[in-house]
Amino acid sequence: MGLLDLEKHFAFYGAYHSNPVNVAIHILFVWPILFTALILLYFTPPLFSPPQTSLIHPVLVFNWGFFSTVFYALFYAALDPKAGSFAAFLTIFCWFTSSFVANSLGFALAWKVVLAAQLFCWTGQFIGHGVFEKRAPALLDNLVQAFLMAPFFVLLEVFQSSFGYEPYPGFHTRVKARIEADIKQWQDSKQKKRS
């Protein structure tokens, strides 16, 4: 799978997210998972400090949260210039706001808020997969792809369903065909295991 092959990535994601209720659950919970992870990453040590005369607000720390944000943002923008750039903006906005939330909560309270939010959101997603999708989550087959791609894909799903957005003409037709083939292959293998 090519690193920047959006069609393959989205087909992989779509094969695990074809039930509308499960998709809605992911739309609600994926970005809060990213946001709260960034709250926790705020407390990692800085990897470098800007000069004292810098215009950077002292709450903004250049640590693992920042570098994860930059990586995600650049990757999303490289996948698709339009939707990816918007996803990059949202990712940077999450880092910015999560830094202020983390700073005001302090670690003693922040880790409890993050734990509660992560447990709630992950439970919702596992219920979405177990009850509605009736398929294990993608993270069990490709952990990196699931964590890296989920925020972008739920955004792309919203853009497609709300505005008919396609990164390029024919994208959704080709992706839908791949998703259907993957789901059929999964169902066939599941049926063989039962036999």
Protein backbone atom coordinates (compact mmCIF):
# COMPACT_ATOMS: atom_id res chain seq x y z
CA MET A 1 0.00 0.00 0.00
CA GLY A 2 1.57 3.27 -1.12
CA LEU A 3 2.01 5.76 1.69
CA LEU A 4 0.13 8.51 -0.14
CA ASP A 5 -2.37 6.28 -1.97
CA LEU A 6 -5.57 7.85 -0.64
CA GLU A 7 -7.80 5.48 -2.59
CA LYS A 8 -6.23 2.37 -1.02
CA HIS A 9 -6.21 3.90 2.46
CA PHE A 10 -9.83 5.01 2.25
CA ALA A 11 -10.93 1.62 0.87
CA PHE A 12 -9.18 -0.10 3.78
CA TYR A 13 -10.91 2.25 6.22
CA GLY A 14 -14.28 1.94 4.46
CA ALA A 15 -14.23 -1.86 4.60
CA TYR A 16 -14.28 -1.59 8.40
CA HIS A 17 -16.77 1.28 8.47
CA SER A 18 -19.70 0.53 6.19
CA ASN A 19 -22.51 0.61 8.74
CA PRO A 20 -24.02 4.14 9.01
CA VAL A 21 -24.37 3.98 12.81
CA ASN A 22 -20.75 2.90 13.21
CA VAL A 23 -19.66 5.67 10.84
CA ALA A 24 -21.64 8.22 12.90
CA ILE A 25 -20.06 6.93 16.13
CA HIS A 26 -16.60 7.38 14.60
CA ILE A 27 -17.44 10.86 13.36
CA LEU A 28 -18.38 11.79 16.94
CA PHE A 29 -15.49 10.12 18.76
CA VAL A 30 -12.34 10.11 16.60
CA TRP A 31 -11.45 13.80 16.88
CA PRO A 32 -12.00 13.88 20.67
CA ILE A 33 -9.58 10.94 20.94
CA LEU A 34 -6.97 12.95 19.04
CA PHE A 35 -7.68 16.09 21.07
CA THR A 36 -7.37 14.34 24.44
CA ALA A 37 -4.22 12.49 23.31
CA LEU A 38 -2.71 15.88 22.55
CA ILE A 39 -3.66 17.05 26.05
CA LEU A 40 -1.63 14.18 27.48
CA LEU A 41 1.26 14.75 25.07
CA TYR A 42 1.40 18.36 26.27
CA PHE A 43 3.13 17.07 29.39
CA THR A 44 6.03 15.50 27.50
CA PRO A 45 9.31 17.39 27.82
CA PRO A 46 10.11 20.06 25.21
CA LEU A 47 12.40 18.89 22.43
CA PHE A 48 13.59 22.45 21.87
CA SER A 49 12.74 25.89 23.20
CA PRO A 50 12.15 28.97 21.07
CA PRO A 51 14.25 32.07 21.77
CA GLN A 52 13.08 34.19 24.71
CA THR A 53 12.30 37.08 22.35
CA SER A 54 9.99 34.83 20.35
CA LEU A 55 6.38 35.77 19.66
CA ILE A 56 5.34 32.22 20.60
CA HIS A 57 2.99 32.08 23.59
CA PRO A 58 4.73 30.38 26.56
CA VAL A 59 1.92 27.81 26.85
CA LEU A 60 2.80 26.40 23.42
CA VAL A 61 5.48 23.76 23.94
CA PHE A 62 7.51 22.20 21.13
CA ASN A 63 7.30 18.64 22.40
CA TRP A 64 6.00 15.29 21.12
CA GLY A 65 2.49 16.70 20.88
CA PHE A 66 3.71 19.45 18.58
CA PHE A 67 5.79 17.15 16.39
CA SER A 68 2.96 14.60 16.15
CA THR A 69 0.67 17.43 15.07
CA VAL A 70 3.10 18.62 12.41
CA PHE A 71 3.52 15.06 11.09
CA TYR A 72 -0.25 14.47 10.95
CA ALA A 73 -0.89 17.87 9.34
CA LEU A 74 1.76 17.45 6.64
CA PHE A 75 0.64 13.90 5.91
CA TYR A 76 -3.01 14.93 5.54
CA ALA A 77 -2.13 17.86 3.28
CA ALA A 78 -0.01 15.53 1.11
CA LEU A 79 -2.88 13.03 0.79
CA ASP A 80 -5.33 15.58 -0.58
CA PRO A 81 -4.68 19.31 -1.02
CA LYS A 82 -8.25 20.43 -0.22
CA ALA A 83 -9.69 18.14 2.47
CA GLY A 84 -6.20 17.31 3.71
CA SER A 85 -5.36 20.96 4.23
CA PHE A 86 -8.56 21.42 6.21
CA ALA A 87 -7.71 18.31 8.27
CA ALA A 88 -4.23 19.77 8.81
CA PHE A 89 -5.77 23.04 10.02
CA LEU A 90 -8.06 21.14 12.43
CA THR A 91 -5.12 19.10 13.73
CA ILE A 92 -3.10 22.25 14.39
CA PHE A 93 -6.14 23.88 15.99
CA CYS A 94 -6.52 20.81 18.26
CA TRP A 95 -2.86 21.09 19.30
CA PHE A 96 -3.22 24.80 19.98
CA THR A 97 -6.42 24.51 22.05
CA SER A 98 -5.38 21.29 23.80
CA SER A 99 -2.18 23.05 24.94
CA PHE A 100 -4.21 25.75 26.67
CA VAL A 101 -6.64 23.21 28.15
CA ALA A 102 -3.75 21.07 29.43
CA ASN A 103 -1.95 24.07 30.86
CA SER A 104 -5.03 25.26 32.72
CA LEU A 105 -5.94 21.78 34.04
CA GLY A 106 -2.46 20.78 35.14
CA PHE A 107 -1.24 17.19 34.93
CA ALA A 108 -2.94 16.06 38.17
CA LEU A 109 -6.40 16.70 36.68
CA ALA A 110 -5.61 16.42 32.96
CA TRP A 111 -4.67 12.74 33.00
CA LYS A 112 -8.00 11.92 34.71
CA VAL A 113 -9.98 13.91 32.14
CA VAL A 114 -8.02 12.27 29.32
CA LEU A 115 -8.52 8.79 30.77
CA ALA A 116 -12.29 9.29 31.14
CA ALA A 117 -12.64 10.76 27.63
CA GLN A 118 -10.48 8.08 26.03
CA LEU A 119 -12.36 5.25 27.77
CA PHE A 120 -15.72 6.75 26.79
CA CYS A 121 -14.75 7.34 23.15
CA TRP A 122 -12.98 4.01 22.66
CA THR A 123 -15.88 2.14 24.26
CA GLY A 124 -18.27 3.87 21.89
CA GLN A 125 -16.16 2.87 18.92
CA PHE A 126 -15.85 -0.75 20.02
CA ILE A 127 -19.61 -0.87 20.52
CA GLY A 128 -19.99 0.56 17.02
CA HIS A 129 -17.88 -2.22 15.61
CA GLY A 130 -19.26 -5.06 17.72
CA VAL A 131 -22.97 -4.20 17.68
CA PHE A 132 -23.47 -2.35 14.39
CA GLU A 133 -20.57 -3.18 12.07
CA LYS A 134 -20.18 -6.74 13.38
CA ARG A 135 -16.51 -6.58 12.43
CA ALA A 136 -13.39 -6.05 14.49
CA PRO A 137 -11.89 -2.56 14.24
CA ALA A 138 -9.22 -1.80 11.65
CA LEU A 139 -6.66 -1.18 14.39
CA LEU A 140 -6.47 -4.93 14.96
CA ASP A 141 -5.22 -5.40 11.38
CA ASN A 142 -3.21 -2.21 10.88
CA LEU A 143 -2.58 -0.19 14.03
CA VAL A 144 -0.58 2.62 12.42
CA GLN A 145 -3.05 3.09 9.57
CA ALA A 146 -5.97 3.16 12.01
CA PHE A 147 -4.44 5.80 14.31
CA LEU A 148 -2.92 7.96 11.61
CA MET A 149 -5.76 7.89 9.11
CA ALA A 150 -8.93 7.89 11.26
CA PRO A 151 -9.17 11.68 11.86
CA PHE A 152 -8.71 12.42 8.17
CA PHE A 153 -11.13 9.72 7.06
CA VAL A 154 -14.00 10.77 9.30
CA LEU A 155 -13.56 14.30 7.96
CA LEU A 156 -13.47 13.01 4.38
CA GLU A 157 -16.60 10.94 5.14
CA VAL A 158 -18.41 14.10 6.34
CA PHE A 159 -17.29 16.07 3.27
CA GLN A 160 -18.41 13.29 0.93
CA SER A 161 -21.81 12.73 2.54
CA SER A 162 -22.55 16.44 3.10
CA PHE A 163 -21.12 18.05 -0.02
CA GLY A 164 -20.46 15.17 -2.43
CA TYR A 165 -16.74 15.96 -2.18
CA GLU A 166 -14.30 13.79 -4.11
CA PRO A 167 -10.53 14.32 -4.08
CA TYR A 168 -10.65 13.62 -7.81
CA PRO A 169 -13.38 12.52 -10.25
CA GLY A 170 -14.38 8.88 -9.84
CA PHE A 171 -12.72 8.53 -6.43
CA HIS A 172 -15.81 7.32 -4.59
CA THR A 173 -16.87 4.94 -7.35
CA ARG A 174 -13.47 3.22 -7.30
CA VAL A 175 -13.28 3.22 -3.50
CA LYS A 176 -16.80 1.80 -3.19
CA ALA A 177 -15.90 -1.06 -5.55
CA ARG A 178 -12.80 -1.84 -3.48
CA ILE A 179 -14.78 -1.69 -0.24
CA GLU A 180 -17.43 -4.06 -1.56
CA ALA A 181 -14.75 -6.50 -2.78
CA ASP A 182 -12.95 -6.37 0.57
CA ILE A 183 -16.15 -6.90 2.55
CA LYS A 184 -17.11 -9.83 0.31
CA GLN A 185 -13.65 -11.36 0.76
CA TRP A 186 -13.92 -10.91 4.54
CA GLN A 187 -17.41 -12.46 4.60
CA ASP A 188 -16.23 -15.39 2.47
CA SER A 189 -13.28 -16.06 4.76
CA LYS A 190 -15.55 -15.76 7.80
CA GLN A 191 -17.95 -18.26 6.20
CA LYS A 192 -15.09 -20.70 5.48
CA LYS A 193 -14.00 -20.56 9.12
CA ARG A 194 -17.52 -21.52 10.20
CA SER A 195 -17.63 -24.46 7.80
